[in-house]
Amino acid sequence: MAANPTKPSGQTGKMKKDESLLGKLGGTLVRKKKLKEVGDLQEEGKKAINAPLLHADPELLPEDTLLEENAERTILDPTSREDLNFKDLQKVLIDWINSELEEDRIIVKDLEEDLYDGQVLQKLIEKLSGHKLNVAEVTQSEIGQKQKLQTVLEAVNGVLRPLDWNTEWSVDSIHSKNLVSIVYLLLALAIYYAAPIRLPEHVSVKVIVVKKKEGILQTAHVTKHLTSTTTEMMIGRSERDAFDTLLDHAPDKLNVVKTSLITFVNKHLNKLNLEVTELESQFADGVYLVLLMGLLENYFVPLYNFYLTPESFEQKVHNVSFAFELMQDGGLQKPKVRPEDVVNLNLKSTLRVLYNLFTNYKNSE
């Protein structure tokens, strides 16, 4: 019987050493695997925490992302904020507000900062509509400001509702100083009440629409068209007065009104050996309007104050604007038409101006 071979003692020691090395190596691999699992778990935790921000636009501020589920917020794109046409539109609206509220000694410098609490908007809608709103004059608390805004916007929406106007504003958007909403609101008021201003045409801005759905923020870039052409915006002016009705439904009676106004203006212009036969064309350069105001108020208008023979559009607008100033100096309200509309031979605008003069000076000799 053969004897079992015996392993040399040196070889046995080597095997034990290899087993020990494998054991250590195995332990190291296990620890690395566990560390990787821990790392993966931590990364998943980070993703869970940051999930609402994963789809956020890099241009958004942190407060823009704080939304409830299914809530939506619109933020003005920073590039549009610096757009020159948009800045020009804001300036026109600011100048208009300051002109309307001059008697109240209200001066608006910034649409976002000065209109968000409802105080200026209240005064503006009261002035435009001629009706006093039942709201507290001064409110400091957020709740009070939003209550005032609610009343103001209800009044505005009530006026615009019959026209199916697309309201791009709300209490929250105005109070949160959303500039696009504020501009939309002011444009609606300016167009509806036929503000005597020239709105820049084809002004648009880009906005970022942020919505939270299933805990994830979704963003989209949308273009908002604020103004169109002057003609299209004038069609939106819905101040229905006697002349609108006459033009639309009783053109025969309109001729009677025109004849009466021609008789009225010629009664005074004849003193200067001037005569009018066409209202819309002969008053378009503003010269007859200026001379007529001097005759009605019994003073001589210095020739250096206006263009006696205007050639450019700008010179004609200057004349009509100057005539409007003379009307206000005489105690009349500022005409609710733009000088440009008179220069552009807009019959209704010219009739409104002349009818206002007729009403106030019909008994003048």
Protein backbone atom coordinates (compact mmCIF):
# COMPACT_ATOMS: atom_id res chain seq x y z
CA MET A 1 0.00 0.00 0.00
CA ALA A 2 1.40 3.23 -1.14
CA ALA A 3 1.83 5.91 1.38
CA ASN A 4 -0.05 9.20 0.93
CA PRO A 5 2.24 11.87 -0.37
CA THR A 6 2.82 14.62 2.12
CA LYS A 7 2.95 18.31 1.12
CA PRO A 8 6.08 20.13 1.99
CA SER A 9 5.69 22.46 4.94
CA GLY A 10 6.76 25.44 2.77
CA GLN A 11 3.91 24.78 0.30
CA THR A 12 1.36 24.55 3.14
CA GLY A 13 2.43 27.95 4.45
CA LYS A 14 2.10 29.44 1.01
CA MET A 15 -1.48 28.14 0.65
CA LYS A 16 -2.48 29.62 3.99
CA LYS A 17 -0.95 32.91 2.94
CA ASP A 18 -2.91 32.84 -0.37
CA GLU A 19 -6.15 32.02 1.47
CA SER A 20 -5.54 34.90 3.82
CA LEU A 21 -4.88 37.28 0.86
CA LEU A 22 -8.05 36.12 -0.90
CA GLY A 23 -9.99 36.63 2.27
CA LYS A 24 -8.71 40.16 2.63
CA LEU A 25 -9.32 40.85 -1.06
CA GLY A 26 -12.84 39.47 -0.81
CA GLY A 27 -13.52 41.59 2.24
CA THR A 28 -12.28 44.66 0.43
CA LEU A 29 -14.52 43.95 -2.56
CA VAL A 30 -17.52 43.47 -0.28
CA ARG A 31 -16.79 46.74 1.50
CA LYS A 32 -16.41 48.55 -1.85
CA LYS A 33 -19.70 47.08 -3.03
CA LYS A 34 -21.41 48.24 0.13
CA LEU A 35 -19.86 51.67 -0.21
CA LYS A 36 -21.09 51.84 -3.82
CA GLU A 37 -24.57 50.83 -2.70
CA VAL A 38 -24.48 53.53 -0.03
CA GLY A 39 -23.25 56.04 -2.62
CA ASP A 40 -26.01 55.07 -5.05
CA LEU A 41 -28.56 55.39 -2.27
CA GLN A 42 -27.27 58.85 -1.37
CA GLU A 43 -27.39 59.90 -5.04
CA GLU A 44 -30.98 58.69 -5.30
CA GLY A 45 -31.75 60.71 -2.19
CA LYS A 46 -30.23 63.82 -3.76
CA LYS A 47 -32.25 63.30 -6.92
CA ALA A 48 -35.41 62.91 -4.88
CA ILE A 49 -34.68 66.12 -3.00
CA ASN A 50 -33.79 68.07 -6.13
CA ALA A 51 -36.48 66.54 -8.35
CA PRO A 52 -38.66 69.70 -8.45
CA LEU A 53 -35.71 71.59 -9.94
CA LEU A 54 -34.56 69.12 -12.58
CA HIS A 55 -36.63 70.67 -15.40
CA ALA A 56 -36.35 74.25 -14.22
CA ASP A 57 -35.13 76.90 -16.63
CA PRO A 58 -31.65 78.18 -15.74
CA GLU A 59 -33.03 81.74 -15.94
CA LEU A 60 -35.55 81.14 -13.15
CA LEU A 61 -35.07 82.48 -9.66
CA PRO A 62 -35.52 80.11 -6.69
CA GLU A 63 -38.79 81.77 -5.68
CA ASP A 64 -40.17 81.15 -9.19
CA THR A 65 -40.04 77.41 -8.59
CA LEU A 66 -42.05 77.40 -5.35
CA LEU A 67 -45.35 76.15 -6.73
CA GLU A 68 -48.18 73.97 -5.52
CA GLU A 69 -49.12 70.89 -7.51
CA ASN A 70 -50.65 71.82 -10.91
CA ALA A 71 -50.00 75.50 -10.21
CA GLU A 72 -48.65 77.71 -12.98
CA ARG A 73 -46.57 80.87 -13.04
CA THR A 74 -45.51 83.17 -15.89
CA ILE A 75 -42.16 84.94 -15.70
CA LEU A 76 -40.92 87.63 -18.10
CA ASP A 77 -37.86 86.55 -20.06
CA PRO A 78 -34.87 88.75 -19.07
CA THR A 79 -34.12 89.55 -22.72
CA SER A 80 -37.65 90.90 -23.23
CA ARG A 81 -37.36 93.06 -20.14
CA GLU A 82 -34.58 94.97 -21.91
CA ASP A 83 -36.42 95.15 -25.25
CA LEU A 84 -36.55 98.80 -26.39
CA ASN A 85 -40.08 98.53 -27.84
CA PHE A 86 -41.36 97.04 -24.58
CA LYS A 87 -39.66 99.81 -22.61
CA ASP A 88 -41.21 102.40 -24.91
CA LEU A 89 -44.66 100.87 -24.36
CA GLN A 90 -44.17 101.05 -20.59
CA LYS A 91 -43.17 104.71 -20.83
CA VAL A 92 -46.26 105.56 -22.88
CA LEU A 93 -48.49 103.86 -20.32
CA ILE A 94 -46.72 105.54 -17.38
CA ASP A 95 -47.06 108.98 -18.99
CA TRP A 96 -50.74 108.30 -19.64
CA ILE A 97 -51.41 107.28 -16.02
CA ASN A 98 -49.57 110.34 -14.70
CA SER A 99 -51.57 112.58 -17.04
CA GLU A 100 -54.88 111.07 -15.93
CA LEU A 101 -54.03 111.27 -12.22
CA GLU A 102 -52.30 114.64 -12.27
CA GLU A 103 -55.04 116.23 -10.16
CA ASP A 104 -54.54 113.54 -7.51
CA ARG A 105 -50.83 114.37 -7.43
CA ILE A 106 -49.97 110.75 -8.15
CA ILE A 107 -46.70 110.10 -9.97
CA VAL A 108 -45.97 106.60 -11.26
CA LYS A 109 -42.35 105.75 -12.00
CA ASP A 110 -42.37 101.96 -12.10
CA LEU A 111 -45.36 99.84 -13.16
CA GLU A 112 -44.41 96.83 -11.06
CA GLU A 113 -43.62 98.68 -7.84
CA ASP A 114 -46.33 101.35 -8.04
CA LEU A 115 -49.37 99.38 -9.21
CA TYR A 116 -49.19 96.01 -7.46
CA ASP A 117 -51.08 97.06 -4.29
CA GLY A 118 -54.15 98.37 -6.13
CA GLN A 119 -53.96 101.96 -4.87
CA VAL A 120 -53.07 103.60 -8.20
CA LEU A 121 -55.27 101.20 -10.18
CA GLN A 122 -58.21 102.20 -7.99
CA LYS A 123 -57.68 105.89 -8.70
CA LEU A 124 -57.20 105.22 -12.41
CA ILE A 125 -60.40 103.21 -12.91
CA GLU A 126 -62.35 105.75 -10.84
CA LYS A 127 -61.08 108.57 -13.04
CA LEU A 128 -61.73 106.72 -16.29
CA SER A 129 -65.17 105.40 -15.37
CA GLY A 130 -66.36 108.36 -13.34
CA HIS A 131 -67.53 106.05 -10.56
CA LYS A 132 -66.22 105.79 -7.00
CA LEU A 133 -65.25 102.31 -5.79
CA ASN A 134 -66.23 101.15 -2.34
CA VAL A 135 -62.76 100.29 -1.00
CA ALA A 136 -60.50 101.45 1.78
CA GLU A 137 -58.28 104.32 0.69
CA VAL A 138 -55.05 103.02 2.24
CA THR A 139 -54.23 99.37 2.91
CA GLN A 140 -50.88 98.14 4.21
CA SER A 141 -51.57 94.45 4.80
CA GLU A 142 -51.33 91.88 2.02
CA ILE A 143 -54.90 90.76 2.67
CA GLY A 144 -56.18 94.33 2.44
CA GLN A 145 -54.26 94.98 -0.76
CA LYS A 146 -55.61 91.83 -2.40
CA GLN A 147 -59.16 92.73 -1.32
CA LYS A 148 -58.75 96.13 -2.96
CA LEU A 149 -57.34 94.53 -6.11
CA GLN A 150 -60.28 92.13 -6.17
CA THR A 151 -62.74 95.04 -6.13
CA VAL A 152 -60.78 96.98 -8.78
CA LEU A 153 -60.47 93.99 -11.12
CA GLU A 154 -64.14 93.13 -10.71
CA ALA A 155 -64.96 96.66 -11.85
CA VAL A 156 -62.61 96.37 -14.85
CA ASN A 157 -63.79 92.90 -15.81
CA GLY A 158 -67.40 94.02 -15.46
CA VAL A 159 -66.82 96.72 -18.07
CA LEU A 160 -64.96 94.41 -20.44
CA ARG A 161 -67.11 91.29 -19.97
CA PRO A 162 -69.72 92.12 -22.66
CA LEU A 163 -66.86 92.34 -25.16
CA ASP A 164 -65.50 88.86 -24.39
CA TRP A 165 -62.12 90.43 -23.61
CA ASN A 166 -59.40 87.88 -22.94
CA THR A 167 -58.30 88.75 -19.41
CA GLU A 168 -54.59 88.11 -18.96
CA TRP A 169 -54.50 89.25 -15.34
CA SER A 170 -55.62 88.18 -11.88
CA VAL A 171 -55.37 89.39 -8.29
CA ASP A 172 -52.38 87.12 -7.65
CA SER A 173 -50.52 88.05 -10.84
CA ILE A 174 -50.91 91.79 -10.26
CA HIS A 175 -50.01 91.57 -6.57
CA SER A 176 -46.96 89.43 -7.36
CA LYS A 177 -45.75 92.28 -9.62
CA ASN A 178 -46.14 90.34 -12.86
CA LEU A 179 -45.21 93.05 -15.36
CA VAL A 180 -46.83 91.33 -18.35
CA SER A 181 -50.18 91.05 -16.54
CA ILE A 182 -50.00 94.69 -15.43
CA VAL A 183 -49.27 95.85 -19.00
CA TYR A 184 -52.11 93.72 -20.39
CA LEU A 185 -54.51 95.31 -17.88
CA LEU A 186 -53.39 98.86 -18.68
CA LEU A 187 -53.63 98.21 -22.43
CA ALA A 188 -57.20 97.00 -22.04
CA LEU A 189 -58.12 100.17 -20.12
CA ALA A 190 -56.30 102.44 -22.56
CA ILE A 191 -57.99 100.86 -25.59
CA TYR A 192 -61.46 100.66 -24.03
CA TYR A 193 -61.45 104.25 -22.78
CA ALA A 194 -59.84 105.54 -26.00
CA ALA A 195 -56.81 106.99 -24.24
CA PRO A 196 -55.32 109.92 -26.19
CA ILE A 197 -51.98 108.17 -26.59
CA ARG A 198 -50.07 106.53 -29.42
CA LEU A 199 -49.33 102.92 -28.51
CA PRO A 200 -46.23 101.38 -30.12
CA GLU A 201 -47.24 98.80 -32.71
CA HIS A 202 -46.33 95.10 -32.82
CA VAL A 203 -44.85 94.89 -29.33
CA SER A 204 -44.33 91.33 -28.10
CA VAL A 205 -42.43 89.72 -25.24
CA LYS A 206 -41.22 86.25 -24.42
CA VAL A 207 -42.29 84.67 -21.15
CA ILE A 208 -41.34 81.49 -19.33
CA VAL A 209 -44.39 79.47 -18.28
CA VAL A 210 -43.60 77.27 -15.28
CA LYS A 211 -45.98 74.50 -14.20
CA LYS A 212 -45.63 71.88 -11.50
CA LYS A 213 -46.97 68.44 -12.41
CA GLU A 214 -46.46 65.32 -10.32
CA GLY A 215 -43.80 67.12 -8.33
CA ILE A 216 -41.77 68.02 -11.44
CA LEU A 217 -41.36 71.53 -12.77
CA GLN A 218 -42.07 71.90 -16.47
CA THR A 219 -41.12 75.03 -18.39
CA ALA A 220 -42.07 76.40 -21.78
CA HIS A 221 -41.08 79.58 -23.62
CA VAL A 222 -44.09 81.44 -25.03
CA THR A 223 -44.38 84.68 -27.04
CA LYS A 224 -47.04 87.13 -25.85
CA HIS A 225 -48.29 89.68 -28.39
CA LEU A 226 -49.14 92.88 -26.51
CA THR A 227 -50.04 95.33 -29.29
CA SER A 228 -50.97 95.00 -32.94
CA THR A 229 -51.50 97.76 -35.51
CA THR A 230 -53.05 101.09 -34.58
CA THR A 231 -56.08 100.34 -36.76
CA GLU A 232 -56.73 96.97 -35.15
CA MET A 233 -56.39 98.45 -31.67
CA MET A 234 -58.81 101.24 -32.53
CA ILE A 235 -61.35 98.62 -33.56
CA GLY A 236 -61.02 97.27 -30.02
CA ARG A 237 -62.00 100.63 -28.58
CA SER A 238 -65.55 100.03 -27.53
CA GLU A 239 -66.55 103.36 -26.08
CA ARG A 240 -69.94 103.48 -27.69
CA ASP A 241 -71.20 107.02 -28.00
CA ALA A 242 -73.65 108.96 -30.15
CA PHE A 243 -71.26 109.09 -33.08
CA ASP A 244 -70.70 105.32 -33.09
CA THR A 245 -74.44 104.81 -33.24
CA LEU A 246 -74.88 107.42 -35.95
CA LEU A 247 -72.12 105.99 -38.12
CA ASP A 248 -73.36 102.42 -37.73
CA HIS A 249 -77.12 102.80 -37.90
CA ALA A 250 -78.21 106.30 -38.92
CA PRO A 251 -75.91 107.86 -41.53
CA ASP A 252 -78.72 110.17 -42.60
CA LYS A 253 -78.86 111.71 -39.12
CA LEU A 254 -75.08 111.93 -39.08
CA ASN A 255 -75.27 114.37 -41.98
CA VAL A 256 -77.59 116.56 -39.91
CA VAL A 257 -75.03 116.59 -37.09
CA LYS A 258 -72.20 117.41 -39.48
CA THR A 259 -74.22 120.28 -40.95
CA SER A 260 -74.87 121.67 -37.48
CA LEU A 261 -71.18 121.50 -36.58
CA ILE A 262 -70.14 123.11 -39.86
CA THR A 263 -72.59 125.95 -39.20
CA PHE A 264 -71.17 126.34 -35.68
CA VAL A 265 -67.48 126.49 -36.70
CA ASN A 266 -68.13 128.75 -39.69
CA LYS A 267 -70.01 131.19 -37.50
CA HIS A 268 -66.67 131.88 -35.81
CA LEU A 269 -64.12 131.16 -38.54
CA ASN A 270 -65.92 133.53 -40.91
CA LYS A 271 -64.58 136.34 -38.73
CA LEU A 272 -61.17 135.52 -40.23
CA ASN A 273 -62.66 135.05 -43.71
CA LEU A 274 -62.24 131.27 -43.37
CA GLU A 275 -64.85 128.67 -44.23
CA VAL A 276 -65.18 124.93 -43.65
CA THR A 277 -66.99 122.51 -45.95
CA GLU A 278 -65.36 119.18 -44.98
CA LEU A 279 -64.90 118.53 -41.25
CA GLU A 280 -62.59 115.54 -41.37
CA SER A 281 -60.12 116.98 -43.88
CA GLN A 282 -60.04 120.69 -43.05
CA PHE A 283 -59.34 120.17 -39.35
CA ALA A 284 -56.72 117.46 -39.93
CA ASP A 285 -53.71 119.78 -39.86
CA GLY A 286 -54.81 121.46 -36.61
CA VAL A 287 -54.64 125.04 -37.94
CA TYR A 288 -58.38 125.67 -37.92
CA LEU A 289 -58.66 124.07 -34.47
CA VAL A 290 -56.07 126.45 -33.03
CA LEU A 291 -57.65 129.50 -34.66
CA LEU A 292 -61.12 128.37 -33.59
CA MET A 293 -60.04 128.11 -29.95
CA GLY A 294 -58.63 131.63 -30.08
CA LEU A 295 -61.92 132.93 -31.47
CA LEU A 296 -64.02 131.06 -28.92
CA GLU A 297 -61.91 132.32 -26.02
CA ASN A 298 -61.46 135.81 -27.47
CA TYR A 299 -57.67 135.96 -27.70
CA PHE A 300 -55.03 136.04 -30.42
CA VAL A 301 -52.88 132.94 -30.69
CA PRO A 302 -49.25 133.92 -31.44
CA LEU A 303 -48.17 132.44 -34.77
CA TYR A 304 -44.91 131.14 -33.30
CA ASN A 305 -46.88 128.70 -31.13
CA PHE A 306 -48.02 126.57 -34.06
CA TYR A 307 -47.36 125.83 -37.73
CA LEU A 308 -49.57 128.00 -39.94
CA THR A 309 -48.72 125.90 -43.02
CA PRO A 310 -47.74 122.48 -41.63
CA GLU A 311 -46.14 120.08 -44.08
CA SER A 312 -45.09 117.01 -42.09
CA PHE A 313 -47.19 114.61 -40.06
CA GLU A 314 -45.31 115.65 -36.92
CA GLN A 315 -46.10 119.34 -37.47
CA LYS A 316 -49.80 118.56 -37.88
CA VAL A 317 -49.80 116.46 -34.70
CA HIS A 318 -48.10 119.37 -32.92
CA ASN A 319 -50.89 121.72 -34.01
CA VAL A 320 -53.71 119.42 -32.90
CA SER A 321 -51.96 118.72 -29.59
CA PHE A 322 -51.54 122.45 -29.03
CA ALA A 323 -55.26 122.99 -29.75
CA PHE A 324 -56.04 120.33 -27.14
CA GLU A 325 -53.92 122.25 -24.63
CA LEU A 326 -55.86 125.42 -25.38
CA MET A 327 -59.09 123.52 -24.77
CA GLN A 328 -57.86 122.42 -21.36
CA ASP A 329 -56.74 125.97 -20.58
CA GLY A 330 -60.31 127.03 -21.35
CA GLY A 331 -61.66 124.63 -18.73
CA LEU A 332 -62.61 121.76 -21.01
CA GLN A 333 -61.64 118.18 -20.26
CA LYS A 334 -58.79 116.67 -22.25
CA PRO A 335 -60.28 115.20 -25.46
CA LYS A 336 -60.58 111.42 -25.36
CA VAL A 337 -59.03 111.05 -28.78
CA ARG A 338 -55.46 111.07 -29.97
CA PRO A 339 -54.14 114.00 -32.01
CA GLU A 340 -52.86 111.40 -34.50
CA ASP A 341 -56.43 110.18 -35.10
CA VAL A 342 -57.55 113.67 -36.12
CA VAL A 343 -54.51 114.05 -38.39
CA ASN A 344 -55.30 110.64 -39.94
CA LEU A 345 -58.75 111.94 -41.00
CA ASN A 346 -60.64 109.77 -38.51
CA LEU A 347 -64.16 111.19 -38.74
CA LYS A 348 -65.40 110.01 -35.34
CA SER A 349 -62.38 111.50 -33.58
CA THR A 350 -62.84 114.85 -35.31
CA LEU A 351 -66.57 114.86 -34.58
CA ARG A 352 -65.97 114.14 -30.90
CA VAL A 353 -63.59 117.10 -30.62
CA LEU A 354 -65.88 119.51 -32.44
CA TYR A 355 -69.00 118.32 -30.65
CA ASN A 356 -67.27 118.96 -27.34
CA LEU A 357 -66.58 122.54 -28.48
CA PHE A 358 -70.15 122.91 -29.72
CA THR A 359 -71.56 121.78 -26.37
CA ASN A 360 -69.47 124.28 -24.43
CA TYR A 361 -69.53 127.27 -26.81
CA LYS A 362 -72.81 126.98 -28.74
CA ASN A 363 -74.07 130.21 -27.18
CA SER A 364 -70.88 132.14 -27.79
CA GLU A 365 -71.03 135.06 -30.23
